[in-house]
């Protein structure tokens, strides 16, 4: 899939099974993670701008809480101890930062219209 944020892979053919551990080291350190988070949330906000996603403070807060709850409780982030908690907090922060950047873009657009 051609997508700037979270592209999906599609598989055709007979499914196979992984018999060993699959370890994915996505980030070298926290700085690398923060750089990636900043870039990805910008792309997410741009996607929201193109879709003209409806913005509300309630939705922003709800999505933050929902993202944390899903990753911490349902997906077992609590089993990761302190690092699991941090990862789930960052998942939540991803939603917040994306919506914040989207809100800022909407405000800038409103300001440009008012100054014309």
PDB file of N, CA and C in Angstrom:
ATOM      1  N   UNK A   1       0.852  -1.178   0.000  1.00  0.00           N
ATOM      2  CA  UNK A   1       0.000   0.000   0.000  1.00  0.00           C
ATOM      3  C   UNK A   1       0.892   1.233   0.000  1.00  0.00           C
ATOM      4  N   UNK A   2       0.589   2.173  -0.852  1.00  0.00           N
ATOM      5  CA  UNK A   2       1.313   3.437  -0.875  1.00  0.00           C
ATOM      6  C   UNK A   2       0.626   4.394   0.093  1.00  0.00           C
ATOM      7  N   UNK A   3       1.249   4.605   1.231  1.00  0.00           N
ATOM      8  CA  UNK A   3       0.696   5.500   2.241  1.00  0.00           C
ATOM      9  C   UNK A   3       1.857   6.091   3.018  1.00  0.00           C
ATOM     10  N   UNK A   4       1.815   7.417   3.289  1.00  0.00           N
ATOM     11  CA  UNK A   4       2.925   8.031   4.015  1.00  0.00           C
ATOM     12  C   UNK A   4       2.984   7.623   5.482  1.00  0.00           C
ATOM     13  N   UNK A   5       1.848   7.214   6.051  1.00  0.00           N
ATOM     14  CA  UNK A   5       1.797   6.826   7.457  1.00  0.00           C
ATOM     15  C   UNK A   5       1.264   5.402   7.563  1.00  0.00           C
ATOM     16  N   UNK A   6       1.991   4.533   8.235  1.00  0.00           N
ATOM     17  CA  UNK A   6       1.584   3.159   8.515  1.00  0.00           C
ATOM     18  C   UNK A   6       1.084   2.398   7.288  1.00  0.00           C
ATOM     19  N   UNK A   7       1.913   2.271   6.258  1.00  0.00           N
ATOM     20  CA  UNK A   7       1.473   1.485   5.102  1.00  0.00           C
ATOM     21  C   UNK A   7       1.282   0.026   5.504  1.00  0.00           C
ATOM     22  N   UNK A   8       0.335  -0.622   4.876  1.00  0.00           N
ATOM     23  CA  UNK A   8       0.039  -2.015   5.178  1.00  0.00           C
ATOM     24  C   UNK A   8       0.622  -2.901   4.077  1.00  0.00           C
ATOM     25  N   UNK A   9       0.987  -4.092   4.455  1.00  0.00           N
ATOM     26  CA  UNK A   9       1.438  -5.069   3.476  1.00  0.00           C
ATOM     27  C   UNK A   9       0.330  -6.082   3.240  1.00  0.00           C
ATOM     28  N   UNK A  10       0.158  -6.496   2.012  1.00  0.00           N
ATOM     29  CA  UNK A  10      -0.869  -7.478   1.677  1.00  0.00           C
ATOM     30  C   UNK A  10      -0.194  -8.728   1.150  1.00  0.00           C
ATOM     31  N   UNK A  11      -0.727  -9.856   1.500  1.00  0.00           N
ATOM     32  CA  UNK A  11      -0.139 -11.131   1.136  1.00  0.00           C
ATOM     33  C   UNK A  11      -1.140 -11.931   0.313  1.00  0.00           C
ATOM     34  N   UNK A  12      -0.666 -12.490  -0.768  1.00  0.00           N
ATOM     35  CA  UNK A  12      -1.502 -13.412  -1.538  1.00  0.00           C
ATOM     36  C   UNK A  12      -0.761 -14.742  -1.602  1.00  0.00           C
ATOM     37  N   UNK A  13      -1.490 -15.783  -1.600  1.00  0.00           N
ATOM     38  CA  UNK A  13      -0.866 -17.096  -1.633  1.00  0.00           C
ATOM     39  C   UNK A  13      -1.180 -17.872  -0.374  1.00  0.00           C
ATOM     40  N   UNK A  14      -0.482 -18.994  -0.232  1.00  0.00           N
ATOM     41  CA  UNK A  14      -0.694 -19.871   0.917  1.00  0.00           C
ATOM     42  C   UNK A  14      -0.046 -19.260   2.160  1.00  0.00           C
ATOM     43  N   UNK A  15      -0.805 -19.148   3.269  1.00  0.00           N
ATOM     44  CA  UNK A  15      -0.218 -18.573   4.491  1.00  0.00           C
ATOM     45  C   UNK A  15       0.845 -19.498   5.085  1.00  0.00           C
ATOM     46  N   UNK A  16       1.835 -18.899   5.668  1.00  0.00           N
ATOM     47  CA  UNK A  16       2.900 -19.621   6.343  1.00  0.00           C
ATOM     48  C   UNK A  16       2.892 -19.235   7.811  1.00  0.00           C
ATOM     49  N   UNK A  17       3.567 -19.992   8.627  1.00  0.00           N
ATOM     50  CA  UNK A  17       3.614 -19.715  10.056  1.00  0.00           C
ATOM     51  C   UNK A  17       5.056 -19.471  10.488  1.00  0.00           C
ATOM     52  N   UNK A  18       5.236 -18.497  11.348  1.00  0.00           N
ATOM     53  CA  UNK A  18       6.549 -18.224  11.921  1.00  0.00           C
ATOM     54  C   UNK A  18       6.720 -19.181  13.095  1.00  0.00           C
ATOM     55  N   UNK A  19       7.814 -19.914  13.081  1.00  0.00           N
ATOM     56  CA  UNK A  19       8.008 -20.908  14.142  1.00  0.00           C
ATOM     57  C   UNK A  19       8.910 -20.401  15.254  1.00  0.00           C
ATOM     58  N   UNK A  20       9.628 -19.303  15.020  1.00  0.00           N
ATOM     59  CA  UNK A  20      10.514 -18.762  16.039  1.00  0.00           C
ATOM     60  C   UNK A  20      10.051 -17.389  16.474  1.00  0.00           C
ATOM     61  N   UNK A  21      10.884 -16.754  17.233  1.00  0.00           N
ATOM     62  CA  UNK A  21      10.583 -15.402  17.702  1.00  0.00           C
ATOM     63  C   UNK A  21      10.818 -14.401  16.576  1.00  0.00           C
ATOM     64  N   UNK A  22       9.978 -13.410  16.522  1.00  0.00           N
ATOM     65  CA  UNK A  22      10.144 -12.312  15.586  1.00  0.00           C
ATOM     66  C   UNK A  22      10.423 -11.074  16.426  1.00  0.00           C
ATOM     67  N   UNK A  23      11.634 -10.583  16.371  1.00  0.00           N
ATOM     68  CA  UNK A  23      12.042  -9.442  17.188  1.00  0.00           C
ATOM     69  C   UNK A  23      12.240  -8.246  16.265  1.00  0.00           C
ATOM     70  N   UNK A  24      11.547  -7.169  16.591  1.00  0.00           N
ATOM     71  CA  UNK A  24      11.620  -5.957  15.776  1.00  0.00           C
ATOM     72  C   UNK A  24      12.168  -4.824  16.632  1.00  0.00           C
ATOM     73  N   UNK A  25      13.356  -4.375  16.303  1.00  0.00           N
ATOM     74  CA  UNK A  25      13.943  -3.223  16.986  1.00  0.00           C
ATOM     75  C   UNK A  25      13.718  -2.013  16.082  1.00  0.00           C
ATOM     76  N   UNK A  26      12.672  -1.281  16.366  1.00  0.00           N
ATOM     77  CA  UNK A  26      12.309  -0.163  15.508  1.00  0.00           C
ATOM     78  C   UNK A  26      13.106   1.102  15.753  1.00  0.00           C
ATOM     79  N   UNK A  27      13.688   1.242  16.931  1.00  0.00           N
ATOM     80  CA  UNK A  27      14.357   2.491  17.285  1.00  0.00           C
ATOM     81  C   UNK A  27      15.664   2.196  18.000  1.00  0.00           C
ATOM     82  N   UNK A  28      16.679   2.972  17.686  1.00  0.00           N
ATOM     83  CA  UNK A  28      17.994   2.803  18.319  1.00  0.00           C
ATOM     84  C   UNK A  28      18.003   3.296  19.762  1.00  0.00           C
ATOM     85  N   UNK A  29      17.245   4.388  20.011  1.00  0.00           N
ATOM     86  CA  UNK A  29      17.216   5.001  21.334  1.00  0.00           C
ATOM     87  C   UNK A  29      16.006   5.933  21.399  1.00  0.00           C
ATOM     88  N   UNK A  30      15.823   6.595  22.515  1.00  0.00           N
ATOM     89  CA  UNK A  30      14.665   7.480  22.654  1.00  0.00           C
ATOM     90  C   UNK A  30      14.714   8.652  21.684  1.00  0.00           C
ATOM     91  N   UNK A  31      15.893   9.195  21.439  1.00  0.00           N
ATOM     92  CA  UNK A  31      15.999  10.311  20.492  1.00  0.00           C
ATOM     93  C   UNK A  31      15.521   9.892  19.109  1.00  0.00           C
ATOM     94  N   UNK A  32      15.921   8.715  18.686  1.00  0.00           N
ATOM     95  CA  UNK A  32      15.480   8.192  17.393  1.00  0.00           C
ATOM     96  C   UNK A  32      13.958   8.031  17.385  1.00  0.00           C
ATOM     97  N   UNK A  33      13.405   7.553  18.491  1.00  0.00           N
ATOM     98  CA  UNK A  33      11.958   7.402  18.609  1.00  0.00           C
ATOM     99  C   UNK A  33      11.254   8.758  18.514  1.00  0.00           C
ATOM    100  N   UNK A  34      11.760   9.754  19.255  1.00  0.00           N
ATOM    101  CA  UNK A  34      11.129  11.073  19.238  1.00  0.00           C
ATOM    102  C   UNK A  34      11.179  11.701  17.852  1.00  0.00           C
ATOM    103  N   UNK A  35      12.298  11.539  17.163  1.00  0.00           N
ATOM    104  CA  UNK A  35      12.408  12.067  15.797  1.00  0.00           C
ATOM    105  C   UNK A  35      11.366  11.410  14.889  1.00  0.00           C
ATOM    106  N   UNK A  36      11.239  10.100  15.029  1.00  0.00           N
ATOM    107  CA  UNK A  36      10.269   9.360  14.230  1.00  0.00           C
ATOM    108  C   UNK A  36       8.840   9.763  14.603  1.00  0.00           C
ATOM    109  N   UNK A  37       8.574   9.900  15.893  1.00  0.00           N
ATOM    110  CA  UNK A  37       7.253  10.305  16.364  1.00  0.00           C
ATOM    111  C   UNK A  37       6.873  11.671  15.795  1.00  0.00           C
ATOM    112  N   UNK A  38       7.801  12.593  15.813  1.00  0.00           N
ATOM    113  CA  UNK A  38       7.531  13.926  15.286  1.00  0.00           C
ATOM    114  C   UNK A  38       7.207  13.873  13.796  1.00  0.00           C
ATOM    115  N   UNK A  39       7.980  13.105  13.047  1.00  0.00           N
ATOM    116  CA  UNK A  39       7.764  12.979  11.605  1.00  0.00           C
ATOM    117  C   UNK A  39       6.426  12.286  11.317  1.00  0.00           C
ATOM    118  N   UNK A  40       6.146  11.205  12.031  1.00  0.00           N
ATOM    119  CA  UNK A  40       4.915  10.457  11.781  1.00  0.00           C
ATOM    120  C   UNK A  40       3.661  11.239  12.170  1.00  0.00           C
ATOM    121  N   UNK A  41       3.733  11.998  13.259  1.00  0.00           N
ATOM    122  CA  UNK A  41       2.553  12.781  13.658  1.00  0.00           C
ATOM    123  C   UNK A  41       2.305  13.933  12.689  1.00  0.00           C
ATOM    124  N   UNK A  42       3.358  14.459  12.089  1.00  0.00           N
ATOM    125  CA  UNK A  42       3.179  15.483  11.052  1.00  0.00           C
ATOM    126  C   UNK A  42       2.463  14.875   9.851  1.00  0.00           C
ATOM    127  N   UNK A  43       2.895  13.689   9.432  1.00  0.00           N
ATOM    128  CA  UNK A  43       2.237  13.012   8.311  1.00  0.00           C
ATOM    129  C   UNK A  43       0.795  12.663   8.653  1.00  0.00           C
ATOM    130  N   UNK A  44       0.548  12.255   9.891  1.00  0.00           N
ATOM    131  CA  UNK A  44      -0.813  11.931  10.331  1.00  0.00           C
ATOM    132  C   UNK A  44      -1.696  13.179  10.288  1.00  0.00           C
ATOM    133  N   UNK A  45      -1.175  14.310  10.745  1.00  0.00           N
ATOM    134  CA  UNK A  45      -1.936  15.561  10.705  1.00  0.00           C
ATOM    135  C   UNK A  45      -2.224  15.970   9.264  1.00  0.00           C
ATOM    136  N   UNK A  46      -1.260  15.780   8.373  1.00  0.00           N
ATOM    137  CA  UNK A  46      -1.471  16.100   6.960  1.00  0.00           C
ATOM    138  C   UNK A  46      -2.564  15.223   6.358  1.00  0.00           C
ATOM    139  N   UNK A  47      -2.591  13.954   6.770  1.00  0.00           N
ATOM    140  CA  UNK A  47      -3.648  13.050   6.317  1.00  0.00           C
ATOM    141  C   UNK A  47      -5.008  13.544   6.814  1.00  0.00           C
ATOM    142  N   UNK A  48      -5.061  14.028   8.055  1.00  0.00           N
ATOM    143  CA  UNK A  48      -6.305  14.542   8.619  1.00  0.00           C
ATOM    144  C   UNK A  48      -6.758  15.794   7.876  1.00  0.00           C
ATOM    145  N   UNK A  49      -5.796  16.624   7.481  1.00  0.00           N
ATOM    146  CA  UNK A  49      -6.120  17.836   6.732  1.00  0.00           C
ATOM    147  C   UNK A  49      -6.740  17.463   5.392  1.00  0.00           C
ATOM    148  N   UNK A  50      -6.129  16.516   4.695  1.00  0.00           N
ATOM    149  CA  UNK A  50      -6.654  16.090   3.383  1.00  0.00           C
ATOM    150  C   UNK A  50      -8.047  15.495   3.500  1.00  0.00           C
ATOM    151  N   UNK A  51      -8.276  14.718   4.578  1.00  0.00           N
ATOM    152  CA  UNK A  51      -9.582  14.083   4.775  1.00  0.00           C
ATOM    153  C   UNK A  51     -10.603  15.046   5.367  1.00  0.00           C
ATOM    154  N   UNK A  52     -10.125  16.209   5.820  1.00  0.00           N
ATOM    155  CA  UNK A  52     -10.975  17.185   6.519  1.00  0.00           C
ATOM    156  C   UNK A  52     -11.646  16.524   7.722  1.00  0.00           C
ATOM    157  N   UNK A  53     -10.850  15.821   8.501  1.00  0.00           N
ATOM    158  CA  UNK A  53     -11.331  15.155   9.707  1.00  0.00           C
ATOM    159  C   UNK A  53     -11.967  16.181  10.633  1.00  0.00           C
ATOM    160  N   UNK A  54     -13.078  15.812  11.203  1.00  0.00           N
ATOM    161  CA  UNK A  54     -13.752  16.704  12.149  1.00  0.00           C
ATOM    162  C   UNK A  54     -12.922  16.762  13.431  1.00  0.00           C
ATOM    163  N   UNK A  55     -12.690  17.968  13.920  1.00  0.00           N
ATOM    164  CA  UNK A  55     -11.880  18.143  15.129  1.00  0.00           C
ATOM    165  C   UNK A  55     -12.759  18.489  16.316  1.00  0.00           C
ATOM    166  N   UNK A  56     -12.473  17.843  17.442  1.00  0.00           N
ATOM    167  CA  UNK A  56     -13.076  18.268  18.709  1.00  0.00           C
ATOM    168  C   UNK A  56     -12.101  17.907  19.816  1.00  0.00           C
ATOM    169  N   UNK A  57     -12.096  18.700  20.864  1.00  0.00           N
ATOM    170  CA  UNK A  57     -11.234  18.432  22.009  1.00  0.00           C
ATOM    171  C   UNK A  57     -11.608  17.101  22.651  1.00  0.00           C
ATOM    172  N   UNK A  58     -12.904  16.835  22.693  1.00  0.00           N
ATOM    173  CA  UNK A  58     -13.378  15.584  23.277  1.00  0.00           C
ATOM    174  C   UNK A  58     -12.805  14.384  22.528  1.00  0.00           C
ATOM    175  N   UNK A  59     -12.853  14.431  21.199  1.00  0.00           N
ATOM    176  CA  UNK A  59     -12.323  13.330  20.386  1.00  0.00           C
ATOM    177  C   UNK A  59     -10.833  13.164  20.614  1.00  0.00           C
ATOM    178  N   UNK A  60     -10.103  14.262  20.699  1.00  0.00           N
ATOM    179  CA  UNK A  60      -8.670  14.199  20.924  1.00  0.00           C
ATOM    180  C   UNK A  60      -8.367  13.487  22.251  1.00  0.00           C
ATOM    181  N   UNK A  61      -9.046  13.870  23.310  1.00  0.00           N
ATOM    182  CA  UNK A  61      -8.828  13.276  24.629  1.00  0.00           C
ATOM    183  C   UNK A  61      -9.283  11.814  24.639  1.00  0.00           C
ATOM    184  N   UNK A  62     -10.440  11.552  24.044  1.00  0.00           N
ATOM    185  CA  UNK A  62     -10.960  10.185  24.001  1.00  0.00           C
ATOM    186  C   UNK A  62     -10.004   9.256  23.260  1.00  0.00           C
ATOM    187  N   UNK A  63      -9.470   9.712  22.138  1.00  0.00           N
ATOM    188  CA  UNK A  63      -8.547   8.879  21.369  1.00  0.00           C
ATOM    189  C   UNK A  63      -7.245   8.629  22.128  1.00  0.00           C
ATOM    190  N   UNK A  64      -6.794   9.625  22.885  1.00  0.00           N
ATOM    191  CA  UNK A  64      -5.596   9.435  23.708  1.00  0.00           C
ATOM    192  C   UNK A  64      -5.835   8.341  24.751  1.00  0.00           C
ATOM    193  N   UNK A  65      -6.944   8.448  25.458  1.00  0.00           N
ATOM    194  CA  UNK A  65      -7.265   7.483  26.509  1.00  0.00           C
ATOM    195  C   UNK A  65      -7.478   6.100  25.905  1.00  0.00           C
ATOM    196  N   UNK A  66      -8.199   6.059  24.795  1.00  0.00           N
ATOM    197  CA  UNK A  66      -8.471   4.796  24.119  1.00  0.00           C
ATOM    198  C   UNK A  66      -7.177   4.119  23.668  1.00  0.00           C
ATOM    199  N   UNK A  67      -6.263   4.888  23.091  1.00  0.00           N
ATOM    200  CA  UNK A  67      -4.999   4.324  22.610  1.00  0.00           C
ATOM    201  C   UNK A  67      -4.188   3.764  23.781  1.00  0.00           C
ATOM    202  N   UNK A  68      -4.164   4.503  24.888  1.00  0.00           N
ATOM    203  CA  UNK A  68      -3.426   4.004  26.056  1.00  0.00           C
ATOM    204  C   UNK A  68      -4.067   2.726  26.595  1.00  0.00           C
ATOM    205  N   UNK A  69      -5.385   2.753  26.781  1.00  0.00           N
ATOM    206  CA  UNK A  69      -6.085   1.606  27.356  1.00  0.00           C
ATOM    207  C   UNK A  69      -5.907   0.361  26.496  1.00  0.00           C
ATOM    208  N   UNK A  70      -6.037   0.507  25.191  1.00  0.00           N
ATOM    209  CA  UNK A  70      -5.879  -0.653  24.303  1.00  0.00           C
ATOM    210  C   UNK A  70      -4.470  -1.222  24.385  1.00  0.00           C
ATOM    211  N   UNK A  71      -3.478  -0.347  24.311  1.00  0.00           N
ATOM    212  CA  UNK A  71      -2.111  -0.862  24.285  1.00  0.00           C
ATOM    213  C   UNK A  71      -1.657  -1.372  25.659  1.00  0.00           C
ATOM    214  N   UNK A  72      -2.112  -0.736  26.726  1.00  0.00           N
ATOM    215  CA  UNK A  72      -1.660  -1.142  28.059  1.00  0.00           C
ATOM    216  C   UNK A  72      -2.429  -2.351  28.585  1.00  0.00           C
ATOM    217  N   UNK A  73      -3.746  -2.300  28.482  1.00  0.00           N
ATOM    218  CA  UNK A  73      -4.554  -3.367  29.069  1.00  0.00           C
ATOM    219  C   UNK A  73      -4.855  -4.495  28.084  1.00  0.00           C
ATOM    220  N   UNK A  74      -5.394  -4.167  26.918  1.00  0.00           N
ATOM    221  CA  UNK A  74      -5.822  -5.214  25.986  1.00  0.00           C
ATOM    222  C   UNK A  74      -4.662  -5.895  25.282  1.00  0.00           C
ATOM    223  N   UNK A  75      -3.636  -5.143  24.921  1.00  0.00           N
ATOM    224  CA  UNK A  75      -2.502  -5.736  24.211  1.00  0.00           C
ATOM    225  C   UNK A  75      -1.356  -6.134  25.141  1.00  0.00           C
ATOM    226  N   UNK A  76      -1.558  -5.969  26.435  1.00  0.00           N
ATOM    227  CA  UNK A  76      -0.610  -6.483  27.415  1.00  0.00           C
ATOM    228  C   UNK A  76       0.626  -5.636  27.654  1.00  0.00           C
ATOM    229  N   UNK A  77       0.542  -4.343  27.402  1.00  0.00           N
ATOM    230  CA  UNK A  77       1.682  -3.467  27.661  1.00  0.00           C
ATOM    231  C   UNK A  77       2.138  -3.495  29.113  1.00  0.00           C
ATOM    232  N   UNK A  78       1.206  -3.776  30.009  1.00  0.00           N
ATOM    233  CA  UNK A  78       1.540  -3.830  31.443  1.00  0.00           C
ATOM    234  C   UNK A  78       2.574  -4.917  31.740  1.00  0.00           C
ATOM    235  N   UNK A  79       2.656  -5.919  30.875  1.00  0.00           N
ATOM    236  CA  UNK A  79       3.628  -7.000  31.089  1.00  0.00           C
ATOM    237  C   UNK A  79       5.065  -6.541  30.841  1.00  0.00           C
ATOM    238  N   UNK A  80       5.216  -5.399  30.194  1.00  0.00           N
ATOM    239  CA  UNK A  80       6.544  -4.881  29.884  1.00  0.00           C
ATOM    240  C   UNK A  80       7.135  -4.040  30.995  1.00  0.00           C
ATOM    241  N   UNK A  81       6.471  -4.004  32.132  1.00  0.00           N
ATOM    242  CA  UNK A  81       6.985  -3.221  33.246  1.00  0.00           C
ATOM    243  C   UNK A  81       7.020  -1.735  32.916  1.00  0.00           C
ATOM    244  N   UNK A  82       8.059  -1.075  33.409  1.00  0.00           N
ATOM    245  CA  UNK A  82       8.169   0.371  33.211  1.00  0.00           C
ATOM    246  C   UNK A  82       8.275   0.731  31.727  1.00  0.00           C
ATOM    247  N   UNK A  83       9.082  -0.013  30.971  1.00  0.00           N
ATOM    248  CA  UNK A  83       9.213   0.282  29.539  1.00  0.00           C
ATOM    249  C   UNK A  83       7.904   0.037  28.795  1.00  0.00           C
ATOM    250  N   UNK A  84       7.138  -0.959  29.219  1.00  0.00           N
ATOM    251  CA  UNK A  84       5.825  -1.188  28.626  1.00  0.00           C
ATOM    252  C   UNK A  84       4.896  -0.017  28.876  1.00  0.00           C
ATOM    253  N   UNK A  85       4.940   0.496  30.107  1.00  0.00           N
ATOM    254  CA  UNK A  85       4.129   1.672  30.454  1.00  0.00           C
ATOM    255  C   UNK A  85       4.540   2.878  29.602  1.00  0.00           C
ATOM    256  N   UNK A  86       5.847   3.095  29.478  1.00  0.00           N
ATOM    257  CA  UNK A  86       6.349   4.225  28.675  1.00  0.00           C
ATOM    258  C   UNK A  86       5.898   4.086  27.228  1.00  0.00           C
ATOM    259  N   UNK A  87       6.018   2.878  26.664  1.00  0.00           N
ATOM    260  CA  UNK A  87       5.604   2.653  25.276  1.00  0.00           C
ATOM    261  C   UNK A  87       4.119   2.960  25.089  1.00  0.00           C
ATOM    262  N   UNK A  88       3.293   2.571  26.052  1.00  0.00           N
ATOM    263  CA  UNK A  88       1.856   2.834  25.966  1.00  0.00           C
ATOM    264  C   UNK A  88       1.555   4.325  26.112  1.00  0.00           C
ATOM    265  N   UNK A  89       2.309   5.000  26.963  1.00  0.00           N
ATOM    266  CA  UNK A  89       2.148   6.454  27.094  1.00  0.00           C
ATOM    267  C   UNK A  89       2.493   7.147  25.772  1.00  0.00           C
ATOM    268  N   UNK A  90       3.569   6.693  25.126  1.00  0.00           N
ATOM    269  CA  UNK A  90       3.947   7.280  23.835  1.00  0.00           C
ATOM    270  C   UNK A  90       2.899   6.980  22.764  1.00  0.00           C
ATOM    271  N   UNK A  91       2.285   5.799  22.824  1.00  0.00           N
ATOM    272  CA  UNK A  91       1.184   5.498  21.897  1.00  0.00           C
ATOM    273  C   UNK A  91       0.060   6.517  22.068  1.00  0.00           C
ATOM    274  N   UNK A  92      -0.238   6.817  23.315  1.00  0.00           N
ATOM    275  CA  UNK A  92      -1.266   7.802  23.617  1.00  0.00           C
ATOM    276  C   UNK A  92      -0.843   9.192  23.146  1.00  0.00           C
ATOM    277  N   UNK A  93       0.410   9.512  23.387  1.00  0.00           N
ATOM    278  CA  UNK A  93       0.934  10.822  22.996  1.00  0.00           C
ATOM    279  C   UNK A  93       0.926  11.004  21.478  1.00  0.00           C
ATOM    280  N   UNK A  94       1.081   9.924  20.742  1.00  0.00           N
ATOM    281  CA  UNK A  94       1.005   9.975  19.281  1.00  0.00           C
ATOM    282  C   UNK A  94      -0.332  10.586  18.852  1.00  0.00           C
ATOM    283  N   UNK A  95      -1.415  10.115  19.469  1.00  0.00           N
ATOM    284  CA  UNK A  95      -2.734  10.649  19.146  1.00  0.00           C
ATOM    285  C   UNK A  95      -2.825  12.128  19.492  1.00  0.00           C
ATOM    286  N   UNK A  96      -2.353  12.473  20.694  1.00  0.00           N
ATOM    287  CA  UNK A  96      -2.398  13.861  21.140  1.00  0.00           C
ATOM    288  C   UNK A  96      -1.620  14.774  20.193  1.00  0.00           C
ATOM    289  N   UNK A  97      -0.395  14.391  19.873  1.00  0.00           N
ATOM    290  CA  UNK A  97       0.448  15.232  19.036  1.00  0.00           C
ATOM    291  C   UNK A  97      -0.125  15.354  17.626  1.00  0.00           C
ATOM    292  N   UNK A  98      -0.681  14.287  17.083  1.00  0.00           N
ATOM    293  CA  UNK A  98      -1.295  14.344  15.754  1.00  0.00           C
ATOM    294  C   UNK A  98      -2.451  15.323  15.736  1.00  0.00           C
ATOM    295  N   UNK A  99      -3.327  15.210  16.731  1.00  0.00           N
ATOM    296  CA  UNK A  99      -4.478  16.114  16.806  1.00  0.00           C
ATOM    297  C   UNK A  99      -4.044  17.548  17.090  1.00  0.00           C
ATOM    298  N   UNK A 100      -3.022  17.718  17.896  1.00  0.00           N
ATOM    299  CA  UNK A 100      -2.524  19.063  18.188  1.00  0.00           C
ATOM    300  C   UNK A 100      -1.995  19.733  16.917  1.00  0.00           C
ATOM    301  N   UNK A 101      -1.255  19.001  16.116  1.00  0.00           N
ATOM    302  CA  UNK A 101      -0.743  19.538  14.857  1.00  0.00           C
ATOM    303  C   UNK A 101      -1.890  19.820  13.889  1.00  0.00           C
ATOM    304  N   UNK A 102      -2.891  18.955  13.897  1.00  0.00           N
ATOM    305  CA  UNK A 102      -4.060  19.191  13.050  1.00  0.00           C
ATOM    306  C   UNK A 102      -4.808  20.443  13.497  1.00  0.00           C
ATOM    307  N   UNK A 103      -5.008  20.584  14.807  1.00  0.00           N
ATOM    308  CA  UNK A 103      -5.669  21.772  15.348  1.00  0.00           C
ATOM    309  C   UNK A 103      -4.902  23.034  14.947  1.00  0.00           C
ATOM    310  N   UNK A 104      -3.575  22.996  15.064  1.00  0.00           N
ATOM    311  CA  UNK A 104      -2.751  24.145  14.704  1.00  0.00           C
ATOM    312  C   UNK A 104      -2.932  24.498  13.225  1.00  0.00           C
ATOM    313  N   UNK A 105      -2.979  23.492  12.370  1.00  0.00           N
ATOM    314  CA  UNK A 105      -3.185  23.742  10.941  1.00  0.00           C
ATOM    315  C   UNK A 105      -4.554  24.381  10.694  1.00  0.00           C
ATOM    316  N   UNK A 106      -5.572  23.903  11.402  1.00  0.00           N
ATOM    317  CA  UNK A 106      -6.914  24.494  11.263  1.00  0.00           C
ATOM    318  C   UNK A 106      -6.927  25.946  11.724  1.00  0.00           C
ATOM    319  N   UNK A 107      -6.253  26.209  12.838  1.00  0.00           N
ATOM    320  CA  UNK A 107      -6.179  27.585  13.354  1.00  0.00           C
ATOM    321  C   UNK A 107      -5.421  28.491  12.378  1.00  0.00           C
ATOM    322  N   UNK A 108      -4.344  27.999  11.807  1.00  0.00           N
ATOM    323  CA  UNK A 108      -3.581  28.794  10.828  1.00  0.00           C
ATOM    324  C   UNK A 108      -4.420  29.076   9.592  1.00  0.00           C
ATOM    325  N   UNK A 109      -5.186  28.098   9.169  1.00  0.00           N
ATOM    326  CA  UNK A 109      -6.067  28.271   8.014  1.00  0.00           C
ATOM    327  C   UNK A 109      -7.132  29.325   8.313  1.00  0.00           C
ATOM    328  N   UNK A 110      -7.700  29.250   9.524  1.00  0.00           N
ATOM    329  CA  UNK A 110      -8.708  30.221   9.942  1.00  0.00           C
ATOM    330  C   UNK A 110      -8.121  31.635   9.971  1.00  0.00           C
ATOM    331  N   UNK A 111      -6.913  31.743  10.492  1.00  0.00           N
ATOM    332  CA  UNK A 111      -6.232  33.031  10.584  1.00  0.00           C
ATOM    333  C   UNK A 111      -5.955  33.622   9.197  1.00  0.00           C
ATOM    334  N   UNK A 112      -5.519  32.761   8.274  1.00  0.00           N
ATOM    335  CA  UNK A 112      -5.258  33.232   6.895  1.00  0.00           C
ATOM    336  C   UNK A 112      -6.539  33.753   6.248  1.00  0.00           C
ATOM    337  N   UNK A 113      -7.646  33.035   6.464  1.00  0.00           N
ATOM    338  CA  UNK A 113      -8.942  33.474   5.888  1.00  0.00           C
ATOM    339  C   UNK A 113      -9.357  34.810   6.486  1.00  0.00           C
ATOM    340  N   UNK A 114      -9.162  34.999   7.781  1.00  0.00           N
ATOM    341  CA  UNK A 114      -9.559  36.238   8.458  1.00  0.00           C
ATOM    342  C   UNK A 114      -8.697  37.422   8.042  1.00  0.00           C
ATOM    343  N   UNK A 115      -7.464  37.169   7.631  1.00  0.00           N
ATOM    344  CA  UNK A 115      -6.548  38.249   7.257  1.00  0.00           C
ATOM    345  C   UNK A 115      -6.633  38.604   5.775  1.00  0.00           C
ATOM    346  N   UNK A 116      -7.478  37.920   5.037  1.00  0.00           N
ATOM    347  CA  UNK A 116      -7.604  38.248   3.600  1.00  0.00           C
ATOM    348  C   UNK A 116      -8.569  39.356   3.378  1.00  0.00           C
TER     349      UNK A 116
END
